[in-house]
Amino acid sequence: MEEYLQLFKNETDYYNQIVLGSVLPEKIWGYMPHVCRTWLRNYVGGIFIYSIIGFLWCFYIYYLKRDIYIRGDVIPSMKTMVLHIRESMKCLPWLATLPTFSEYAVENGWTKCFQRISDVGLFAYFLYTISYIVFVELVTYWIHRKLHDIKPLYKYLHAQHHNYNKQHKISPLAGMALHPLDGVAQGAPHTMALFLVPTHFTTHLTFVFLGAIWTANIHDCVDEKLWPLMGGGYHIIHHLSNRNNYGLYTIWMDWMFGTLSHPVSRATKLN
């Protein structure tokens, strides 16, 4: 058992070496305990993902393809985007604790994670991955919805993110502009799933990585359907109405629980 758990630690050590070794001298992080190095890697990696994806996405939709994706004068000001960045930087150290705890739990054998797909077989791997996605979608939906429905939670946690309730106040850089506890609550289902659903460890890390990218995408205010994905067209309705479209990656949970609101297509608007 210890040899098997060591495989997880070897994998996270490898990621730590790649990320931290690329941006920081080893004398800064080499002496740290393993869990601290893991947190630092998640924090540094989070900053890089947020910054690179956010800035490239803004440049693409606001400048290169402005005539295609942006209608009217809805581009957020530089002041607004700086506010998004400042609030996100406050939240990111806390968000880094979630994958750090997940990896610590996996390395200590507390979860149902497996290291190799061959450990369970390809069919079981696909079945478990689908179960993981469904669990994350379902729990994230209800956490997000209750952050709206329970007034103290909305007032003291989630309202900070919904200050950005106009199209010219939302940008791809706003995705992580959250109260830290709000961010942890909405990210927690990825961690919770590991204790309940057999999950391939690298696949879990991939979903966490893609989730960070997706957060930028759904705040781009691009008003188009990407069925069945919960794209920016759906999520902007959530910000403008303060209701509807609580889902994460797809619209299925909103469809199941009666909170789905579709964006109006460009052709419909022209008609």
Protein backbone atom coordinates (compact mmCIF):
# COMPACT_ATOMS: atom_id res chain seq x y z
CA MET A 1 0.00 0.00 0.00
CA GLU A 2 2.79 2.45 0.88
CA GLU A 3 4.51 1.76 -2.42
CA TYR A 4 1.27 2.51 -4.29
CA LEU A 5 0.70 5.77 -2.37
CA GLN A 6 4.29 6.75 -3.16
CA LEU A 7 3.28 6.83 -6.84
CA PHE A 8 0.94 9.73 -6.09
CA LYS A 9 3.64 11.59 -4.18
CA ASN A 10 6.10 11.02 -7.01
CA GLU A 11 3.61 12.54 -9.45
CA THR A 12 3.01 15.64 -7.33
CA ASP A 13 6.76 15.98 -6.75
CA TYR A 14 7.19 15.96 -10.52
CA TYR A 15 4.63 18.76 -10.95
CA ASN A 16 6.24 20.75 -8.14
CA GLN A 17 9.63 20.47 -9.81
CA ILE A 18 8.29 21.55 -13.21
CA VAL A 19 6.33 24.59 -11.99
CA LEU A 20 8.48 25.83 -9.12
CA GLY A 21 11.75 24.93 -10.81
CA SER A 22 10.72 27.02 -13.82
CA VAL A 23 9.94 30.24 -11.94
CA LEU A 24 11.76 30.22 -8.60
CA PRO A 25 15.28 29.39 -7.40
CA GLU A 26 15.34 26.04 -5.60
CA LYS A 27 16.80 27.70 -2.50
CA ILE A 28 13.41 29.39 -1.98
CA TRP A 29 11.25 26.25 -2.08
CA GLY A 30 13.62 23.29 -1.86
CA TYR A 31 13.72 23.27 1.97
CA MET A 32 9.92 23.43 2.33
CA PRO A 33 7.87 20.44 3.48
CA HIS A 34 6.21 18.61 0.62
CA VAL A 35 2.71 19.94 1.39
CA CYS A 36 4.01 23.53 1.43
CA ARG A 37 5.70 23.05 -1.92
CA THR A 38 2.43 21.68 -3.27
CA TRP A 39 0.50 24.71 -2.04
CA LEU A 40 3.11 27.07 -3.51
CA ARG A 41 2.95 25.25 -6.85
CA ASN A 42 -0.86 25.46 -6.90
CA TYR A 43 -0.71 29.15 -5.99
CA VAL A 44 1.97 30.05 -8.55
CA GLY A 45 0.30 27.88 -11.18
CA GLY A 46 -3.06 29.50 -10.43
CA ILE A 47 -1.60 32.97 -10.94
CA PHE A 48 -0.07 31.95 -14.26
CA ILE A 49 -3.24 30.26 -15.54
CA TYR A 50 -5.42 33.17 -14.43
CA SER A 51 -3.12 35.79 -15.91
CA ILE A 52 -2.27 34.12 -19.21
CA ILE A 53 -5.76 32.86 -20.03
CA GLY A 54 -7.46 36.03 -18.78
CA PHE A 55 -5.26 38.47 -20.68
CA LEU A 56 -5.18 36.44 -23.90
CA TRP A 57 -8.95 35.96 -23.82
CA CYS A 58 -9.53 39.70 -23.25
CA PHE A 59 -7.16 40.60 -26.08
CA TYR A 60 -8.87 38.13 -28.41
CA ILE A 61 -12.51 39.12 -27.84
CA TYR A 62 -12.06 42.84 -27.10
CA TYR A 63 -9.52 43.68 -29.79
CA LEU A 64 -8.81 41.00 -32.40
CA LYS A 65 -12.42 39.85 -32.79
CA ARG A 66 -14.32 42.78 -31.33
CA ASP A 67 -16.64 43.16 -34.33
CA ILE A 68 -17.61 39.49 -34.10
CA TYR A 69 -18.13 38.97 -30.37
CA ILE A 70 -18.92 42.37 -28.87
CA ARG A 71 -22.15 44.23 -29.51
CA GLY A 72 -22.40 47.84 -28.48
CA ASP A 73 -20.21 49.59 -25.96
CA VAL A 74 -19.95 46.80 -23.38
CA ILE A 75 -16.18 46.42 -23.08
CA PRO A 76 -15.20 46.87 -19.42
CA SER A 77 -12.91 49.76 -18.60
CA MET A 78 -9.30 49.30 -17.58
CA LYS A 79 -10.28 50.40 -14.06
CA THR A 80 -12.88 47.62 -13.89
CA MET A 81 -10.45 44.97 -15.07
CA VAL A 82 -7.83 46.12 -12.55
CA LEU A 83 -10.49 45.68 -9.85
CA HIS A 84 -11.13 42.14 -11.11
CA ILE A 85 -7.42 41.38 -10.91
CA ARG A 86 -7.04 42.83 -7.42
CA GLU A 87 -9.97 40.84 -6.02
CA SER A 88 -8.78 37.66 -7.75
CA MET A 89 -5.29 38.01 -6.25
CA LYS A 90 -6.88 38.13 -2.80
CA CYS A 91 -8.80 34.93 -3.49
CA LEU A 92 -6.14 32.82 -5.21
CA PRO A 93 -4.09 31.92 -2.08
CA TRP A 94 -7.25 30.45 -0.56
CA LEU A 95 -8.26 28.65 -3.73
CA ALA A 96 -4.82 27.00 -3.78
CA THR A 97 -5.62 25.28 -0.49
CA LEU A 98 -8.28 23.08 -2.12
CA PRO A 99 -6.09 21.17 -4.58
CA THR A 100 -3.36 21.12 -1.94
CA PHE A 101 -5.65 19.38 0.52
CA SER A 102 -6.90 17.05 -2.25
CA GLU A 103 -3.38 15.97 -3.12
CA TYR A 104 -2.46 15.55 0.56
CA ALA A 105 -5.51 13.35 1.11
CA VAL A 106 -4.72 11.28 -1.98
CA GLU A 107 -1.07 10.80 -0.96
CA ASN A 108 -2.19 9.57 2.47
CA GLY A 109 -4.72 7.07 1.13
CA TRP A 110 -7.84 8.82 2.41
CA THR A 111 -9.59 8.94 -0.95
CA LYS A 112 -10.76 6.51 -3.62
CA CYS A 113 -8.22 7.73 -6.17
CA PHE A 114 -6.32 5.30 -8.36
CA GLN A 115 -3.01 6.05 -10.06
CA ARG A 116 -3.20 4.11 -13.32
CA ILE A 117 -6.13 3.53 -15.65
CA SER A 118 -4.98 -0.07 -15.96
CA ASP A 119 -5.74 -0.49 -12.23
CA VAL A 120 -9.48 -0.50 -13.00
CA GLY A 121 -9.74 -1.01 -16.78
CA LEU A 122 -10.86 1.33 -19.53
CA PHE A 123 -14.62 0.73 -19.16
CA ALA A 124 -14.57 1.35 -15.41
CA TYR A 125 -12.39 4.43 -15.95
CA PHE A 126 -14.98 5.99 -18.27
CA LEU A 127 -17.81 5.06 -15.91
CA TYR A 128 -16.02 6.57 -12.91
CA THR A 129 -15.10 9.72 -14.86
CA ILE A 130 -18.72 10.27 -15.89
CA SER A 131 -19.78 9.72 -12.26
CA TYR A 132 -17.18 12.24 -11.13
CA ILE A 133 -18.45 14.86 -13.60
CA VAL A 134 -22.09 14.29 -12.64
CA PHE A 135 -21.26 14.56 -8.94
CA VAL A 136 -19.30 17.78 -9.40
CA GLU A 137 -22.03 19.28 -11.60
CA LEU A 138 -24.80 18.36 -9.15
CA VAL A 139 -23.12 19.52 -5.96
CA THR A 140 -21.72 22.70 -7.52
CA TYR A 141 -25.19 23.56 -8.81
CA TRP A 142 -26.78 23.28 -5.36
CA ILE A 143 -23.96 25.07 -3.55
CA HIS A 144 -24.16 27.92 -6.05
CA ARG A 145 -27.94 28.03 -5.83
CA LYS A 146 -27.93 28.08 -2.03
CA LEU A 147 -25.38 30.89 -2.06
CA HIS A 148 -28.21 32.85 -3.66
CA ASP A 149 -31.19 31.43 -1.77
CA ILE A 150 -29.78 31.73 1.77
CA LYS A 151 -29.68 35.47 2.36
CA PRO A 152 -26.77 35.66 4.86
CA LEU A 153 -24.60 33.54 2.53
CA TYR A 154 -25.44 35.79 -0.37
CA LYS A 155 -24.96 39.01 1.58
CA TYR A 156 -21.64 38.16 3.19
CA LEU A 157 -20.09 35.84 0.58
CA HIS A 158 -21.56 35.68 -2.90
CA ALA A 159 -22.72 39.30 -3.30
CA GLN A 160 -19.11 40.38 -3.79
CA HIS A 161 -18.98 38.48 -7.09
CA HIS A 162 -22.39 39.80 -8.15
CA ASN A 163 -21.25 43.39 -7.85
CA TYR A 164 -20.32 42.71 -11.46
CA ASN A 165 -23.93 42.69 -12.69
CA LYS A 166 -23.66 44.61 -15.95
CA GLN A 167 -21.99 43.50 -19.16
CA HIS A 168 -19.48 46.35 -19.03
CA LYS A 169 -18.55 45.27 -15.49
CA ILE A 170 -17.77 41.64 -16.37
CA SER A 171 -14.68 40.28 -18.09
CA PRO A 172 -12.75 37.00 -18.29
CA LEU A 173 -10.65 38.40 -15.42
CA ALA A 174 -13.73 38.45 -13.14
CA GLY A 175 -14.06 34.67 -12.87
CA MET A 176 -12.00 34.42 -9.70
CA ALA A 177 -12.96 37.80 -8.25
CA LEU A 178 -14.73 36.10 -5.36
CA HIS A 179 -14.88 36.20 -1.60
CA PRO A 180 -12.32 33.52 -0.61
CA LEU A 181 -14.92 31.40 1.23
CA ASP A 182 -17.23 31.64 -1.76
CA GLY A 183 -14.45 30.39 -4.02
CA VAL A 184 -13.59 27.53 -1.68
CA ALA A 185 -17.26 26.52 -1.37
CA GLN A 186 -17.80 26.37 -5.12
CA GLY A 187 -14.50 24.55 -5.70
CA ALA A 188 -15.07 22.01 -2.93
CA PRO A 189 -17.10 19.49 -5.01
CA HIS A 190 -13.95 18.54 -6.96
CA THR A 191 -12.36 17.59 -3.65
CA MET A 192 -15.47 15.96 -2.17
CA ALA A 193 -15.79 13.69 -5.21
CA LEU A 194 -12.44 12.05 -4.46
CA PHE A 195 -13.79 10.61 -1.19
CA LEU A 196 -16.91 9.15 -2.83
CA VAL A 197 -16.11 8.29 -6.44
CA PRO A 198 -13.13 6.20 -7.61
CA THR A 199 -11.18 8.76 -9.63
CA HIS A 200 -8.06 8.68 -11.75
CA PHE A 201 -5.72 11.15 -10.04
CA THR A 202 -4.31 12.76 -13.18
CA THR A 203 -7.82 13.09 -14.63
CA HIS A 204 -8.92 14.89 -11.47
CA LEU A 205 -6.01 17.34 -11.77
CA THR A 206 -6.91 17.87 -15.42
CA PHE A 207 -10.47 18.83 -14.50
CA VAL A 208 -9.20 21.26 -11.89
CA PHE A 209 -6.94 22.82 -14.53
CA LEU A 210 -9.75 22.99 -17.10
CA GLY A 211 -12.06 24.46 -14.46
CA ALA A 212 -9.71 27.41 -14.06
CA ILE A 213 -9.80 28.01 -17.81
CA TRP A 214 -13.57 27.56 -17.96
CA THR A 215 -14.03 30.18 -15.27
CA ALA A 216 -12.50 32.77 -17.59
CA ASN A 217 -14.56 31.57 -20.54
CA ILE A 218 -17.98 31.89 -18.91
CA HIS A 219 -17.30 35.50 -17.90
CA ASP A 220 -16.52 36.70 -21.41
CA CYS A 221 -20.12 37.88 -22.04
CA VAL A 222 -20.06 36.34 -25.51
CA ASP A 223 -23.78 35.95 -26.09
CA GLU A 224 -23.97 32.70 -28.03
CA LYS A 225 -25.30 29.23 -27.27
CA LEU A 226 -22.71 26.48 -26.83
CA TRP A 227 -25.20 23.70 -26.09
CA PRO A 228 -24.98 21.78 -23.83
CA LEU A 229 -22.15 23.81 -22.29
CA MET A 230 -22.77 26.58 -19.77
CA GLY A 231 -21.00 29.15 -21.91
CA GLY A 232 -20.74 32.89 -21.46
CA GLY A 233 -24.13 33.49 -23.07
CA TYR A 234 -25.79 31.49 -20.30
CA HIS A 235 -23.67 32.78 -17.46
CA ILE A 236 -24.19 36.44 -18.32
CA ILE A 237 -27.92 35.83 -17.79
CA HIS A 238 -27.05 34.61 -14.30
CA HIS A 239 -25.18 37.83 -13.53
CA LEU A 240 -27.79 40.13 -15.06
CA SER A 241 -30.83 38.43 -13.49
CA ASN A 242 -29.19 37.21 -10.27
CA ARG A 243 -31.11 33.98 -10.88
CA ASN A 244 -31.07 31.09 -13.33
CA ASN A 245 -28.14 29.19 -14.83
CA TYR A 246 -26.32 28.09 -11.68
CA GLY A 247 -24.50 25.22 -13.42
CA LEU A 248 -20.77 24.77 -13.89
CA TYR A 249 -19.79 23.07 -17.14
CA THR A 250 -23.20 22.19 -18.61
CA ILE A 251 -26.82 23.33 -18.57
CA TRP A 252 -28.18 19.92 -17.56
CA MET A 253 -28.67 20.59 -13.86
CA ASP A 254 -30.49 23.84 -14.55
CA TRP A 255 -32.66 21.99 -17.05
CA MET A 256 -33.42 19.23 -14.52
CA PHE A 257 -34.28 21.62 -11.68
CA GLY A 258 -36.16 24.23 -13.69
CA THR A 259 -33.72 27.16 -13.51
CA LEU A 260 -32.47 27.19 -17.09
CA SER A 261 -32.76 30.39 -19.13
CA HIS A 262 -31.53 30.36 -22.72
CA PRO A 263 -29.72 33.30 -24.30
CA VAL A 264 -31.48 34.89 -27.25
CA SER A 265 -29.66 34.25 -30.50
CA ARG A 266 -28.39 37.09 -32.67
CA ALA A 267 -30.83 36.15 -35.45
CA THR A 268 -33.78 36.38 -33.04
CA LYS A 269 -32.63 39.80 -31.85
CA LEU A 270 -32.31 41.08 -35.41
CA ASN A 271 -35.80 39.85 -36.24
